[in-house]
Amino acid sequence: MTKEDFLKEFSDILQLEDPITLETELDSLEDWDSLNKMSTVSWFLENNIQITVNEISTFKTVCEIAERMNVK
């Protein structure tokens, strides 16, 4: 998955209207809540990547999620 594809899909999951970058801090996203963390875990599982909500909760930036998803 490319960075552009990742950012588009992640924005769709979070239903964001404003664009995000890899440097975007997750805590700055109004909708970065437990429901969207669960949706993110589901997205990882759909891509055959094991992750937990606890692990997702430790991430500070969008880049950390991208790295864990092995985005090139």
N, C-alpha and C. Protein backbone atom coordinates (compact mmCIF):
# COMPACT_ATOMS: atom_id res chain seq x y z
N MET A 1 0.85 -1.17 0.00
CA MET A 1 0.00 0.00 0.00
C MET A 1 0.90 1.24 0.00
N THR A 2 0.56 2.21 -0.85
CA THR A 2 1.33 3.45 -0.90
C THR A 2 0.90 4.37 0.25
N LYS A 3 1.72 5.37 0.51
CA LYS A 3 1.39 6.35 1.54
C LYS A 3 0.08 7.06 1.21
N GLU A 4 -0.09 7.39 -0.06
CA GLU A 4 -1.31 8.10 -0.47
C GLU A 4 -2.54 7.23 -0.26
N ASP A 5 -2.45 5.95 -0.64
CA ASP A 5 -3.57 5.03 -0.43
C ASP A 5 -3.87 4.87 1.05
N PHE A 6 -2.81 4.74 1.85
CA PHE A 6 -2.97 4.60 3.29
C PHE A 6 -3.70 5.80 3.87
N LEU A 7 -3.23 7.01 3.52
CA LEU A 7 -3.83 8.22 4.08
C LEU A 7 -5.30 8.35 3.66
N LYS A 8 -5.61 7.99 2.43
CA LYS A 8 -7.00 8.04 1.97
C LYS A 8 -7.87 7.05 2.75
N GLU A 9 -7.40 5.81 2.86
CA GLU A 9 -8.19 4.80 3.57
C GLU A 9 -8.36 5.15 5.04
N PHE A 10 -7.27 5.61 5.67
CA PHE A 10 -7.35 5.96 7.09
C PHE A 10 -8.31 7.14 7.29
N SER A 11 -8.25 8.12 6.40
CA SER A 11 -9.19 9.25 6.48
C SER A 11 -10.62 8.78 6.32
N ASP A 12 -10.84 7.82 5.41
CA ASP A 12 -12.19 7.28 5.22
C ASP A 12 -12.67 6.55 6.47
N ILE A 13 -11.80 5.78 7.09
CA ILE A 13 -12.17 5.05 8.30
C ILE A 13 -12.60 6.02 9.39
N LEU A 14 -11.83 7.11 9.53
CA LEU A 14 -12.14 8.09 10.57
C LEU A 14 -13.21 9.09 10.13
N GLN A 15 -13.62 9.00 8.87
CA GLN A 15 -14.61 9.91 8.29
C GLN A 15 -14.21 11.37 8.46
N LEU A 16 -12.93 11.63 8.11
CA LEU A 16 -12.39 12.98 8.25
C LEU A 16 -12.71 13.81 7.02
N GLU A 17 -12.98 15.07 7.24
CA GLU A 17 -13.20 16.00 6.14
C GLU A 17 -11.91 16.71 5.76
N ASP A 18 -11.09 17.01 6.75
CA ASP A 18 -9.83 17.70 6.52
C ASP A 18 -8.73 16.69 6.21
N PRO A 19 -7.79 17.05 5.34
CA PRO A 19 -6.71 16.12 5.01
C PRO A 19 -5.77 15.90 6.20
N ILE A 20 -5.16 14.73 6.22
CA ILE A 20 -4.16 14.42 7.23
C ILE A 20 -2.85 14.09 6.53
N THR A 21 -1.78 14.12 7.30
CA THR A 21 -0.47 13.74 6.82
C THR A 21 0.09 12.68 7.75
N LEU A 22 1.22 12.13 7.40
CA LEU A 22 1.86 11.16 8.28
C LEU A 22 2.28 11.81 9.60
N GLU A 23 2.51 13.12 9.58
CA GLU A 23 2.94 13.83 10.79
C GLU A 23 1.78 14.23 11.70
N THR A 24 0.56 14.03 11.26
CA THR A 24 -0.60 14.41 12.06
C THR A 24 -0.59 13.66 13.38
N GLU A 25 -0.75 14.42 14.46
CA GLU A 25 -0.83 13.81 15.79
C GLU A 25 -2.24 13.29 16.00
N LEU A 26 -2.32 12.04 16.43
CA LEU A 26 -3.63 11.41 16.59
C LEU A 26 -4.50 12.14 17.61
N ASP A 27 -3.89 12.63 18.69
CA ASP A 27 -4.67 13.34 19.71
C ASP A 27 -5.27 14.64 19.19
N SER A 28 -4.74 15.15 18.07
CA SER A 28 -5.29 16.38 17.50
C SER A 28 -6.55 16.11 16.67
N LEU A 29 -6.82 14.85 16.40
CA LEU A 29 -8.01 14.47 15.63
C LEU A 29 -9.20 14.35 16.56
N GLU A 30 -10.20 15.14 16.30
CA GLU A 30 -11.38 15.17 17.17
C GLU A 30 -12.03 13.79 17.30
N ASP A 31 -12.01 13.03 16.21
CA ASP A 31 -12.69 11.74 16.20
C ASP A 31 -11.79 10.56 16.57
N TRP A 32 -10.60 10.79 17.11
CA TRP A 32 -9.74 9.70 17.50
C TRP A 32 -10.21 9.20 18.87
N ASP A 33 -11.25 8.36 18.83
CA ASP A 33 -11.85 7.86 20.06
C ASP A 33 -11.83 6.33 20.05
N SER A 34 -12.40 5.73 21.05
CA SER A 34 -12.36 4.27 21.19
C SER A 34 -13.03 3.56 20.02
N LEU A 35 -14.10 4.12 19.50
CA LEU A 35 -14.80 3.52 18.37
C LEU A 35 -13.89 3.50 17.13
N ASN A 36 -13.22 4.61 16.86
CA ASN A 36 -12.33 4.66 15.70
C ASN A 36 -11.06 3.85 15.92
N LYS A 37 -10.64 3.70 17.15
CA LYS A 37 -9.50 2.80 17.43
C LYS A 37 -9.90 1.36 17.10
N MET A 38 -11.12 0.99 17.45
CA MET A 38 -11.61 -0.36 17.12
C MET A 38 -11.72 -0.53 15.60
N SER A 39 -12.18 0.49 14.93
CA SER A 39 -12.27 0.44 13.46
C SER A 39 -10.89 0.29 12.85
N THR A 40 -9.91 0.93 13.44
CA THR A 40 -8.52 0.83 12.96
C THR A 40 -8.00 -0.58 13.18
N VAL A 41 -8.30 -1.17 14.33
CA VAL A 41 -7.89 -2.56 14.59
C VAL A 41 -8.53 -3.48 13.55
N SER A 42 -9.80 -3.27 13.25
CA SER A 42 -10.48 -4.09 12.24
C SER A 42 -9.80 -3.95 10.88
N TRP A 43 -9.40 -2.75 10.54
CA TRP A 43 -8.70 -2.50 9.28
C TRP A 43 -7.39 -3.28 9.22
N PHE A 44 -6.65 -3.27 10.33
CA PHE A 44 -5.42 -4.05 10.40
C PHE A 44 -5.71 -5.54 10.20
N LEU A 45 -6.72 -6.03 10.88
CA LEU A 45 -7.07 -7.45 10.78
C LEU A 45 -7.49 -7.82 9.37
N GLU A 46 -8.20 -6.92 8.68
CA GLU A 46 -8.58 -7.16 7.28
C GLU A 46 -7.35 -7.30 6.39
N ASN A 47 -6.26 -6.67 6.81
CA ASN A 47 -5.01 -6.72 6.07
C ASN A 47 -4.05 -7.77 6.64
N ASN A 48 -4.61 -8.68 7.45
CA ASN A 48 -3.84 -9.79 8.05
C ASN A 48 -2.68 -9.33 8.91
N ILE A 49 -2.89 -8.24 9.65
CA ILE A 49 -1.89 -7.74 10.59
C ILE A 49 -2.52 -7.77 11.97
N GLN A 50 -1.91 -8.52 12.85
CA GLN A 50 -2.42 -8.63 14.22
C GLN A 50 -2.02 -7.41 15.03
N ILE A 51 -2.98 -6.82 15.70
CA ILE A 51 -2.74 -5.65 16.54
C ILE A 51 -3.87 -5.58 17.56
N THR A 52 -3.61 -4.92 18.67
CA THR A 52 -4.64 -4.77 19.70
C THR A 52 -4.98 -3.29 19.88
N VAL A 53 -6.11 -3.05 20.51
CA VAL A 53 -6.51 -1.68 20.81
C VAL A 53 -5.47 -1.04 21.73
N ASN A 54 -4.93 -1.83 22.66
CA ASN A 54 -3.90 -1.29 23.55
C ASN A 54 -2.69 -0.80 22.78
N GLU A 55 -2.27 -1.57 21.76
CA GLU A 55 -1.13 -1.15 20.96
C GLU A 55 -1.46 0.11 20.16
N ILE A 56 -2.64 0.13 19.55
CA ILE A 56 -3.08 1.31 18.80
C ILE A 56 -3.08 2.55 19.71
N SER A 57 -3.48 2.36 20.94
CA SER A 57 -3.58 3.48 21.89
C SER A 57 -2.22 4.09 22.23
N THR A 58 -1.14 3.36 22.00
CA THR A 58 0.19 3.90 22.31
C THR A 58 0.73 4.77 21.19
N PHE A 59 0.14 4.70 20.01
CA PHE A 59 0.63 5.47 18.88
C PHE A 59 0.31 6.96 19.06
N LYS A 60 1.26 7.79 18.67
CA LYS A 60 1.09 9.24 18.81
C LYS A 60 0.80 9.92 17.48
N THR A 61 1.30 9.35 16.37
CA THR A 61 1.13 9.99 15.07
C THR A 61 0.57 9.01 14.05
N VAL A 62 0.05 9.55 12.97
CA VAL A 62 -0.45 8.74 11.87
C VAL A 62 0.70 7.90 11.30
N CYS A 63 1.90 8.45 11.31
CA CYS A 63 3.08 7.74 10.80
C CYS A 63 3.31 6.43 11.53
N GLU A 64 3.10 6.39 12.83
CA GLU A 64 3.29 5.16 13.58
C GLU A 64 2.31 4.07 13.13
N ILE A 65 1.10 4.47 12.82
CA ILE A 65 0.12 3.51 12.31
C ILE A 65 0.56 3.01 10.94
N ALA A 66 1.01 3.93 10.09
CA ALA A 66 1.48 3.56 8.75
C ALA A 66 2.66 2.60 8.83
N GLU A 67 3.60 2.88 9.71
CA GLU A 67 4.77 1.99 9.86
C GLU A 67 4.35 0.62 10.31
N ARG A 68 3.41 0.54 11.24
CA ARG A 68 2.94 -0.76 11.74
C ARG A 68 2.22 -1.53 10.66
N MET A 69 1.61 -0.79 9.71
CA MET A 69 0.91 -1.43 8.62
C MET A 69 1.84 -1.71 7.43
N ASN A 70 3.11 -1.43 7.62
CA ASN A 70 4.13 -1.68 6.60
C ASN A 70 3.90 -0.89 5.31
N VAL A 71 3.46 0.34 5.46
CA VAL A 71 3.25 1.22 4.31
C VAL A 71 4.60 1.61 3.74
N LYS A 72 4.71 1.54 2.43
CA LYS A 72 5.97 1.88 1.74
C LYS A 72 5.97 3.31 1.28
